[in-house]
Amino acid sequence: MNVTVECQKRPEGSKPRALRRSGLIPTVLYGHNGAESVSLTMTAKAAEDLLKTASVNNTLIELSIPDLSWNGPVLLREIQSHPWKNSLYHLSFFSVASQNKVEVVVPLKLVGEAVGVKQGGILQQRLTTVKVQCPPDKIPESIDIDISNLEQGKMFY
């Protein structure tokens, strides 16, 4: 799933609290032109809409920065929010434009009902996510595992 979002270059000397009061969320882009990081802002509405569809380290986002005449694929790396107000503080993006492969964490999704559970057994899932290396445009939303033939006392690895 590709999501498109637009950010603006953050004004020099601007304070994060003042930006939040004016309806902007401070963001940063890492990996843009090598090791250089770029301070950005985006509207709180755009950030909330982004978080409805995107997940950390899993969704490829098309980021556009008109002030810098730059656009390219990024991953959402970090979300910082206020502990009890449930308001956004900061977002971090990582550019994947020059990368052949990225390492992401993908959720495991169990499909079907195990035969062992139908016979009265209990299903124990020890892992809920797995690290995957893949090209940025091939990131899976989840990895589906069919457990319908899993019997009591058997494991899936």
N, C-alpha and C. Protein backbone atom coordinates (compact mmCIF):
# COMPACT_ATOMS: atom_id res chain seq x y z
N MET A 1 0.84 -1.17 0.00
CA MET A 1 0.00 0.00 0.00
C MET A 1 0.89 1.24 0.00
N ASN A 2 0.73 2.10 -0.98
CA ASN A 2 1.50 3.34 -1.03
C ASN A 2 0.65 4.49 -0.52
N VAL A 3 1.27 5.29 0.31
CA VAL A 3 0.62 6.46 0.90
C VAL A 3 1.47 7.66 0.51
N THR A 4 0.83 8.77 0.18
CA THR A 4 1.55 9.98 -0.18
C THR A 4 1.32 11.04 0.87
N VAL A 5 2.39 11.72 1.26
CA VAL A 5 2.29 12.78 2.26
C VAL A 5 3.23 13.92 1.87
N GLU A 6 2.87 15.14 2.26
CA GLU A 6 3.67 16.31 1.93
C GLU A 6 4.15 16.98 3.21
N CYS A 7 5.43 17.35 3.23
CA CYS A 7 6.02 18.06 4.37
C CYS A 7 6.64 19.36 3.88
N GLN A 8 6.85 20.27 4.83
CA GLN A 8 7.51 21.54 4.53
C GLN A 8 8.82 21.59 5.32
N LYS A 9 9.80 22.32 4.80
CA LYS A 9 11.05 22.49 5.53
C LYS A 9 10.77 23.29 6.79
N ARG A 10 11.34 22.85 7.90
CA ARG A 10 11.12 23.52 9.18
C ARG A 10 11.93 24.82 9.23
N PRO A 11 11.28 25.93 9.59
CA PRO A 11 12.01 27.21 9.66
C PRO A 11 13.15 27.15 10.69
N GLU A 12 14.26 27.80 10.37
CA GLU A 12 15.41 27.84 11.28
C GLU A 12 15.01 28.49 12.60
N GLY A 13 15.42 27.89 13.70
CA GLY A 13 15.16 28.46 15.02
C GLY A 13 13.75 28.28 15.55
N SER A 14 12.92 27.55 14.83
CA SER A 14 11.54 27.35 15.30
C SER A 14 11.51 26.36 16.46
N LYS A 15 10.66 26.63 17.41
CA LYS A 15 10.53 25.79 18.60
C LYS A 15 9.43 24.75 18.40
N PRO A 16 9.68 23.48 18.77
CA PRO A 16 8.68 22.43 18.58
C PRO A 16 7.34 22.72 19.25
N ARG A 17 7.36 23.28 20.46
CA ARG A 17 6.10 23.57 21.16
C ARG A 17 5.29 24.63 20.40
N ALA A 18 5.96 25.65 19.89
CA ALA A 18 5.27 26.68 19.12
C ALA A 18 4.69 26.10 17.83
N LEU A 19 5.43 25.18 17.21
CA LEU A 19 4.92 24.53 15.99
C LEU A 19 3.65 23.74 16.29
N ARG A 20 3.67 22.98 17.40
CA ARG A 20 2.49 22.18 17.77
C ARG A 20 1.28 23.07 18.07
N ARG A 21 1.52 24.20 18.72
CA ARG A 21 0.41 25.13 19.01
C ARG A 21 -0.21 25.68 17.74
N SER A 22 0.59 25.82 16.69
CA SER A 22 0.07 26.35 15.43
C SER A 22 -0.47 25.26 14.51
N GLY A 23 -0.57 24.02 15.02
CA GLY A 23 -1.17 22.94 14.24
C GLY A 23 -0.20 22.16 13.37
N LEU A 24 1.09 22.30 13.63
CA LEU A 24 2.11 21.58 12.87
C LEU A 24 2.80 20.55 13.76
N ILE A 25 3.25 19.47 13.16
CA ILE A 25 3.97 18.42 13.88
C ILE A 25 5.41 18.42 13.37
N PRO A 26 6.40 18.53 14.28
CA PRO A 26 7.79 18.44 13.85
C PRO A 26 8.11 17.02 13.35
N THR A 27 8.81 16.94 12.25
CA THR A 27 9.23 15.65 11.70
C THR A 27 10.69 15.77 11.28
N VAL A 28 11.31 14.64 11.05
CA VAL A 28 12.69 14.64 10.57
C VAL A 28 12.83 13.53 9.53
N LEU A 29 13.64 13.78 8.53
CA LEU A 29 13.92 12.81 7.48
C LEU A 29 15.39 12.42 7.58
N TYR A 30 15.65 11.14 7.81
CA TYR A 30 17.01 10.62 7.87
C TYR A 30 17.34 9.91 6.56
N GLY A 31 18.62 9.89 6.22
CA GLY A 31 19.06 9.17 5.03
C GLY A 31 18.87 9.94 3.74
N HIS A 32 18.49 11.21 3.82
CA HIS A 32 18.33 12.05 2.64
C HIS A 32 19.72 12.59 2.28
N ASN A 33 20.19 12.31 1.10
CA ASN A 33 21.54 12.71 0.65
C ASN A 33 22.61 12.21 1.61
N GLY A 34 22.64 10.93 1.85
CA GLY A 34 23.66 10.34 2.72
C GLY A 34 23.26 10.40 4.17
N ALA A 35 24.16 10.87 5.02
CA ALA A 35 23.92 10.86 6.47
C ALA A 35 23.20 12.12 6.95
N GLU A 36 22.98 13.07 6.07
CA GLU A 36 22.35 14.33 6.44
C GLU A 36 20.89 14.11 6.85
N SER A 37 20.47 14.76 7.92
CA SER A 37 19.06 14.71 8.30
C SER A 37 18.44 16.08 8.02
N VAL A 38 17.15 16.07 7.72
CA VAL A 38 16.46 17.30 7.38
C VAL A 38 15.29 17.48 8.34
N SER A 39 15.21 18.66 8.98
CA SER A 39 14.10 18.97 9.87
C SER A 39 12.92 19.47 9.04
N LEU A 40 11.75 18.88 9.28
CA LEU A 40 10.55 19.19 8.51
C LEU A 40 9.37 19.43 9.44
N THR A 41 8.26 19.87 8.87
CA THR A 41 6.99 19.94 9.58
C THR A 41 5.90 19.41 8.66
N MET A 42 4.83 18.95 9.28
CA MET A 42 3.63 18.58 8.52
C MET A 42 2.43 18.96 9.36
N THR A 43 1.29 19.14 8.72
CA THR A 43 0.10 19.52 9.47
C THR A 43 -0.34 18.36 10.36
N ALA A 44 -0.94 18.70 11.49
CA ALA A 44 -1.41 17.66 12.42
C ALA A 44 -2.47 16.80 11.75
N LYS A 45 -3.30 17.39 10.91
CA LYS A 45 -4.35 16.64 10.19
C LYS A 45 -3.72 15.61 9.25
N ALA A 46 -2.69 16.04 8.51
CA ALA A 46 -2.01 15.12 7.59
C ALA A 46 -1.33 13.99 8.36
N ALA A 47 -0.75 14.31 9.52
CA ALA A 47 -0.10 13.28 10.34
C ALA A 47 -1.12 12.28 10.86
N GLU A 48 -2.26 12.75 11.33
CA GLU A 48 -3.31 11.85 11.82
C GLU A 48 -3.84 10.97 10.70
N ASP A 49 -4.05 11.55 9.52
CA ASP A 49 -4.50 10.75 8.37
C ASP A 49 -3.46 9.71 7.98
N LEU A 50 -2.19 10.08 8.05
CA LEU A 50 -1.11 9.15 7.74
C LEU A 50 -1.12 7.97 8.70
N LEU A 51 -1.30 8.24 9.98
CA LEU A 51 -1.24 7.17 10.98
C LEU A 51 -2.45 6.25 10.94
N LYS A 52 -3.53 6.67 10.26
CA LYS A 52 -4.68 5.78 10.08
C LYS A 52 -4.37 4.65 9.10
N THR A 53 -3.45 4.91 8.17
CA THR A 53 -3.17 3.92 7.12
C THR A 53 -1.76 3.34 7.19
N ALA A 54 -0.82 4.05 7.80
CA ALA A 54 0.58 3.60 7.81
C ALA A 54 0.95 3.03 9.17
N SER A 55 1.89 2.10 9.14
CA SER A 55 2.41 1.55 10.39
C SER A 55 3.94 1.69 10.39
N VAL A 56 4.51 1.71 11.57
CA VAL A 56 5.95 1.92 11.73
C VAL A 56 6.73 0.77 11.10
N ASN A 57 7.74 1.14 10.30
CA ASN A 57 8.65 0.19 9.66
C ASN A 57 7.97 -0.82 8.75
N ASN A 58 6.78 -0.53 8.28
CA ASN A 58 6.07 -1.51 7.47
C ASN A 58 5.45 -0.92 6.22
N THR A 59 5.08 0.32 6.22
CA THR A 59 4.37 0.92 5.09
C THR A 59 5.29 1.86 4.32
N LEU A 60 5.37 1.66 3.02
CA LEU A 60 6.14 2.54 2.16
C LEU A 60 5.33 3.81 1.91
N ILE A 61 5.95 4.95 2.17
CA ILE A 61 5.27 6.25 2.05
C ILE A 61 6.01 7.07 1.01
N GLU A 62 5.27 7.72 0.14
CA GLU A 62 5.86 8.62 -0.84
C GLU A 62 5.86 10.02 -0.22
N LEU A 63 7.04 10.51 0.14
CA LEU A 63 7.17 11.81 0.81
C LEU A 63 7.55 12.87 -0.20
N SER A 64 6.86 13.99 -0.14
CA SER A 64 7.13 15.11 -1.04
C SER A 64 7.50 16.33 -0.20
N ILE A 65 8.61 16.97 -0.57
CA ILE A 65 9.06 18.20 0.11
C ILE A 65 9.24 19.27 -0.96
N PRO A 66 8.18 20.05 -1.25
CA PRO A 66 8.27 21.06 -2.31
C PRO A 66 9.36 22.11 -2.07
N ASP A 67 9.60 22.49 -0.80
CA ASP A 67 10.61 23.50 -0.50
C ASP A 67 12.01 23.07 -0.94
N LEU A 68 12.27 21.77 -0.92
CA LEU A 68 13.58 21.24 -1.30
C LEU A 68 13.57 20.61 -2.69
N SER A 69 12.43 20.65 -3.36
CA SER A 69 12.25 20.00 -4.66
C SER A 69 12.67 18.53 -4.59
N TRP A 70 12.20 17.84 -3.55
CA TRP A 70 12.55 16.43 -3.34
C TRP A 70 11.30 15.63 -3.10
N ASN A 71 11.25 14.45 -3.67
CA ASN A 71 10.24 13.46 -3.30
C ASN A 71 10.85 12.09 -3.49
N GLY A 72 10.39 11.15 -2.66
CA GLY A 72 10.93 9.81 -2.73
C GLY A 72 10.29 8.90 -1.70
N PRO A 73 10.61 7.61 -1.78
CA PRO A 73 10.03 6.65 -0.85
C PRO A 73 10.71 6.70 0.51
N VAL A 74 9.90 6.63 1.57
CA VAL A 74 10.40 6.63 2.94
C VAL A 74 9.62 5.61 3.76
N LEU A 75 10.20 5.24 4.90
CA LEU A 75 9.51 4.43 5.90
C LEU A 75 9.31 5.28 7.14
N LEU A 76 8.19 5.12 7.79
CA LEU A 76 7.94 5.77 9.07
C LEU A 76 8.71 4.98 10.12
N ARG A 77 9.71 5.59 10.75
CA ARG A 77 10.58 4.88 11.69
C ARG A 77 10.13 5.03 13.14
N GLU A 78 9.59 6.19 13.51
CA GLU A 78 9.25 6.41 14.91
C GLU A 78 8.10 7.39 15.04
N ILE A 79 7.25 7.11 16.03
CA ILE A 79 6.15 8.01 16.38
C ILE A 79 6.32 8.35 17.85
N GLN A 80 6.37 9.64 18.15
CA GLN A 80 6.42 10.07 19.55
C GLN A 80 5.11 10.79 19.86
N SER A 81 4.48 10.40 20.96
CA SER A 81 3.23 11.05 21.35
C SER A 81 3.25 11.36 22.83
N HIS A 82 2.39 12.27 23.23
CA HIS A 82 2.29 12.66 24.64
C HIS A 82 1.76 11.49 25.44
N PRO A 83 2.30 11.22 26.64
CA PRO A 83 1.91 10.03 27.39
C PRO A 83 0.45 9.94 27.78
N TRP A 84 -0.20 11.06 28.09
CA TRP A 84 -1.60 10.94 28.50
C TRP A 84 -2.56 11.82 27.69
N LYS A 85 -2.05 12.78 26.94
CA LYS A 85 -2.93 13.63 26.13
C LYS A 85 -3.28 12.98 24.79
N ASN A 86 -2.57 11.94 24.41
CA ASN A 86 -2.79 11.25 23.14
C ASN A 86 -2.63 12.18 21.94
N SER A 87 -1.67 13.11 22.05
CA SER A 87 -1.39 14.01 20.94
C SER A 87 0.00 13.71 20.39
N LEU A 88 0.18 13.92 19.11
CA LEU A 88 1.46 13.64 18.46
C LEU A 88 2.51 14.67 18.84
N TYR A 89 3.73 14.20 19.06
CA TYR A 89 4.86 15.08 19.35
C TYR A 89 5.81 15.17 18.18
N HIS A 90 6.09 14.03 17.56
CA HIS A 90 7.16 14.01 16.56
C HIS A 90 7.05 12.75 15.71
N LEU A 91 7.42 12.85 14.43
CA LEU A 91 7.50 11.70 13.53
C LEU A 91 8.89 11.66 12.91
N SER A 92 9.41 10.46 12.72
CA SER A 92 10.71 10.28 12.07
C SER A 92 10.53 9.42 10.83
N PHE A 93 11.09 9.87 9.71
CA PHE A 93 11.05 9.14 8.46
C PHE A 93 12.47 8.73 8.08
N PHE A 94 12.59 7.63 7.33
CA PHE A 94 13.89 7.15 6.85
C PHE A 94 13.79 6.94 5.35
N SER A 95 14.65 7.62 4.61
CA SER A 95 14.64 7.52 3.15
C SER A 95 15.17 6.16 2.70
N VAL A 96 14.45 5.52 1.80
CA VAL A 96 14.87 4.22 1.26
C VAL A 96 15.10 4.31 -0.24
N ALA A 97 15.24 5.51 -0.77
CA ALA A 97 15.39 5.70 -2.21
C ALA A 97 16.64 5.04 -2.75
N SER A 98 17.73 5.07 -2.00
CA SER A 98 18.99 4.54 -2.51
C SER A 98 19.30 3.13 -2.00
N GLN A 99 18.34 2.49 -1.36
CA GLN A 99 18.60 1.19 -0.74
C GLN A 99 18.06 0.05 -1.62
N ASN A 100 18.86 -1.02 -1.74
CA ASN A 100 18.39 -2.21 -2.44
C ASN A 100 17.43 -2.99 -1.58
N LYS A 101 17.78 -3.16 -0.29
CA LYS A 101 16.94 -3.91 0.64
C LYS A 101 16.84 -3.14 1.95
N VAL A 102 15.71 -3.31 2.60
CA VAL A 102 15.51 -2.74 3.92
C VAL A 102 15.11 -3.86 4.87
N GLU A 103 15.42 -3.68 6.14
CA GLU A 103 15.02 -4.66 7.15
C GLU A 103 13.82 -4.08 7.89
N VAL A 104 12.70 -4.80 7.84
CA VAL A 104 11.47 -4.36 8.47
C VAL A 104 10.90 -5.47 9.35
N VAL A 105 10.05 -5.10 10.28
CA VAL A 105 9.37 -6.05 11.14
C VAL A 105 7.96 -6.23 10.59
N VAL A 106 7.59 -7.47 10.29
CA VAL A 106 6.30 -7.78 9.68
C VAL A 106 5.50 -8.67 10.64
N PRO A 107 4.21 -8.37 10.85
CA PRO A 107 3.40 -9.21 11.73
C PRO A 107 3.08 -10.57 11.11
N LEU A 108 3.01 -11.59 11.97
CA LEU A 108 2.59 -12.93 11.55
C LEU A 108 1.09 -13.05 11.79
N LYS A 109 0.37 -13.58 10.81
CA LYS A 109 -1.08 -13.72 10.93
C LYS A 109 -1.44 -15.19 10.75
N LEU A 110 -2.07 -15.76 11.76
CA LEU A 110 -2.48 -17.16 11.70
C LEU A 110 -3.80 -17.27 10.97
N VAL A 111 -3.87 -18.19 10.00
CA VAL A 111 -5.06 -18.37 9.17
C VAL A 111 -5.61 -19.77 9.40
N GLY A 112 -6.90 -19.85 9.59
CA GLY A 112 -7.56 -21.14 9.79
C GLY A 112 -7.62 -21.52 11.25
N GLU A 113 -8.27 -22.67 11.52
CA GLU A 113 -8.36 -23.19 12.88
C GLU A 113 -7.63 -24.52 12.92
N ALA A 114 -6.71 -24.64 13.86
CA ALA A 114 -5.88 -25.84 13.96
C ALA A 114 -6.72 -27.05 14.35
N VAL A 115 -6.37 -28.22 13.77
CA VAL A 115 -7.04 -29.48 14.10
C VAL A 115 -6.90 -29.76 15.59
N GLY A 116 -5.73 -29.48 16.15
CA GLY A 116 -5.48 -29.71 17.56
C GLY A 116 -6.38 -28.88 18.46
N VAL A 117 -6.72 -27.68 18.05
CA VAL A 117 -7.63 -26.83 18.82
C VAL A 117 -9.04 -27.41 18.77
N LYS A 118 -9.43 -27.92 17.61
CA LYS A 118 -10.76 -28.54 17.48
C LYS A 118 -10.87 -29.78 18.36
N GLN A 119 -9.74 -30.43 18.63
CA GLN A 119 -9.72 -31.63 19.47
C GLN A 119 -9.59 -31.29 20.96
N GLY A 120 -9.59 -30.00 21.29
CA GLY A 120 -9.53 -29.58 22.69
C GLY A 120 -8.19 -29.04 23.12
N GLY A 121 -7.24 -28.93 22.23
CA GLY A 121 -5.92 -28.42 22.57
C GLY A 121 -5.90 -26.90 22.64
N ILE A 122 -4.76 -26.37 23.04
CA ILE A 122 -4.58 -24.92 23.17
C ILE A 122 -3.47 -24.50 22.21
N LEU A 123 -3.72 -23.44 21.46
CA LEU A 123 -2.73 -22.91 20.53
C LEU A 123 -1.88 -21.87 21.25
N GLN A 124 -0.57 -22.04 21.21
CA GLN A 124 0.34 -21.09 21.82
C GLN A 124 1.19 -20.47 20.71
N GLN A 125 1.06 -19.16 20.55
CA GLN A 125 1.83 -18.45 19.54
C GLN A 125 2.94 -17.67 20.25
N ARG A 126 4.18 -18.05 20.00
CA ARG A 126 5.31 -17.42 20.68
C ARG A 126 5.80 -16.18 19.96
N LEU A 127 5.74 -16.18 18.66
CA LEU A 127 6.17 -15.02 17.87
C LEU A 127 4.97 -14.36 17.21
N THR A 128 4.92 -13.05 17.28
CA THR A 128 3.85 -12.33 16.60
C THR A 128 4.39 -11.50 15.44
N THR A 129 5.72 -11.32 15.40
CA THR A 129 6.36 -10.58 14.32
C THR A 129 7.64 -11.29 13.91
N VAL A 130 8.14 -10.94 12.74
CA VAL A 130 9.39 -11.50 12.24
C VAL A 130 10.11 -10.41 11.44
N LYS A 131 11.45 -10.39 11.51
CA LYS A 131 12.24 -9.44 10.73
C LYS A 131 12.41 -9.99 9.32
N VAL A 132 12.24 -9.12 8.34
CA VAL A 132 12.32 -9.51 6.94
C VAL A 132 13.21 -8.51 6.21
N GLN A 133 14.08 -9.00 5.34
CA GLN A 133 14.84 -8.14 4.44
C GLN A 133 14.24 -8.27 3.06
N CYS A 134 13.87 -7.14 2.48
CA CYS A 134 13.24 -7.16 1.16
C CYS A 134 13.41 -5.81 0.49
N PRO A 135 13.17 -5.74 -0.82
CA PRO A 135 13.19 -4.45 -1.49
C PRO A 135 12.09 -3.55 -0.93
N PRO A 136 12.30 -2.24 -0.88
CA PRO A 136 11.32 -1.34 -0.29
C PRO A 136 9.93 -1.42 -0.92
N ASP A 137 9.85 -1.73 -2.21
CA ASP A 137 8.54 -1.78 -2.86
C ASP A 137 7.85 -3.13 -2.71
N LYS A 138 8.46 -4.08 -2.03
CA LYS A 138 7.88 -5.42 -1.85
C LYS A 138 7.60 -5.74 -0.38
N ILE A 139 7.44 -4.74 0.47
CA ILE A 139 7.21 -4.98 1.90
C ILE A 139 5.82 -5.56 2.10
N PRO A 140 5.72 -6.76 2.68
CA PRO A 140 4.39 -7.35 2.91
C PRO A 140 3.70 -6.71 4.12
N GLU A 141 2.37 -6.61 4.07
CA GLU A 141 1.63 -6.08 5.21
C GLU A 141 1.66 -7.07 6.35
N SER A 142 1.63 -8.36 6.03
CA SER A 142 1.72 -9.42 7.04
C SER A 142 2.14 -10.70 6.34
N ILE A 143 2.56 -11.67 7.14
CA ILE A 143 2.88 -13.00 6.61
C ILE A 143 1.82 -13.95 7.14
N ASP A 144 1.05 -14.54 6.23
CA ASP A 144 -0.03 -15.44 6.61
C ASP A 144 0.50 -16.86 6.76
N ILE A 145 0.15 -17.52 7.87
CA ILE A 145 0.56 -18.90 8.13
C ILE A 145 -0.70 -19.74 8.28
N ASP A 146 -0.86 -20.74 7.41
CA ASP A 146 -2.02 -21.63 7.47
C ASP A 146 -1.77 -22.69 8.54
N ILE A 147 -2.60 -22.67 9.59
CA ILE A 147 -2.43 -23.62 10.70
C ILE A 147 -3.54 -24.65 10.72
N SER A 148 -4.33 -24.74 9.67
CA SER A 148 -5.50 -25.63 9.67
C SER A 148 -5.11 -27.11 9.77
N ASN A 149 -3.89 -27.50 9.41
CA ASN A 149 -3.45 -28.89 9.51
C ASN A 149 -2.57 -29.15 10.73
N LEU A 150 -2.48 -28.19 11.63
CA LEU A 150 -1.62 -28.32 12.81
C LEU A 150 -2.31 -29.16 13.88
N GLU A 151 -1.69 -30.28 14.23
CA GLU A 151 -2.28 -31.21 15.21
C GLU A 151 -1.74 -30.95 16.61
N GLN A 152 -2.36 -31.59 17.60
CA GLN A 152 -1.91 -31.45 18.98
C GLN A 152 -0.47 -31.93 19.12
N GLY A 153 0.32 -31.19 19.89
CA GLY A 153 1.70 -31.57 20.13
C GLY A 153 2.66 -31.22 19.00
N LYS A 154 2.16 -30.67 17.90
CA LYS A 154 3.00 -30.32 16.75
C LYS A 154 3.34 -28.83 16.80
N MET A 155 4.45 -28.49 16.16
CA MET A 155 4.91 -27.10 16.11
C MET A 155 5.09 -26.66 14.67
N PHE A 156 5.03 -25.36 14.50
CA PHE A 156 5.30 -24.77 13.20
C PHE A 156 6.52 -23.87 13.36
N TYR A 157 7.54 -24.09 12.53
CA TYR A 157 8.68 -23.22 12.56
C TYR A 157 9.13 -22.87 11.18
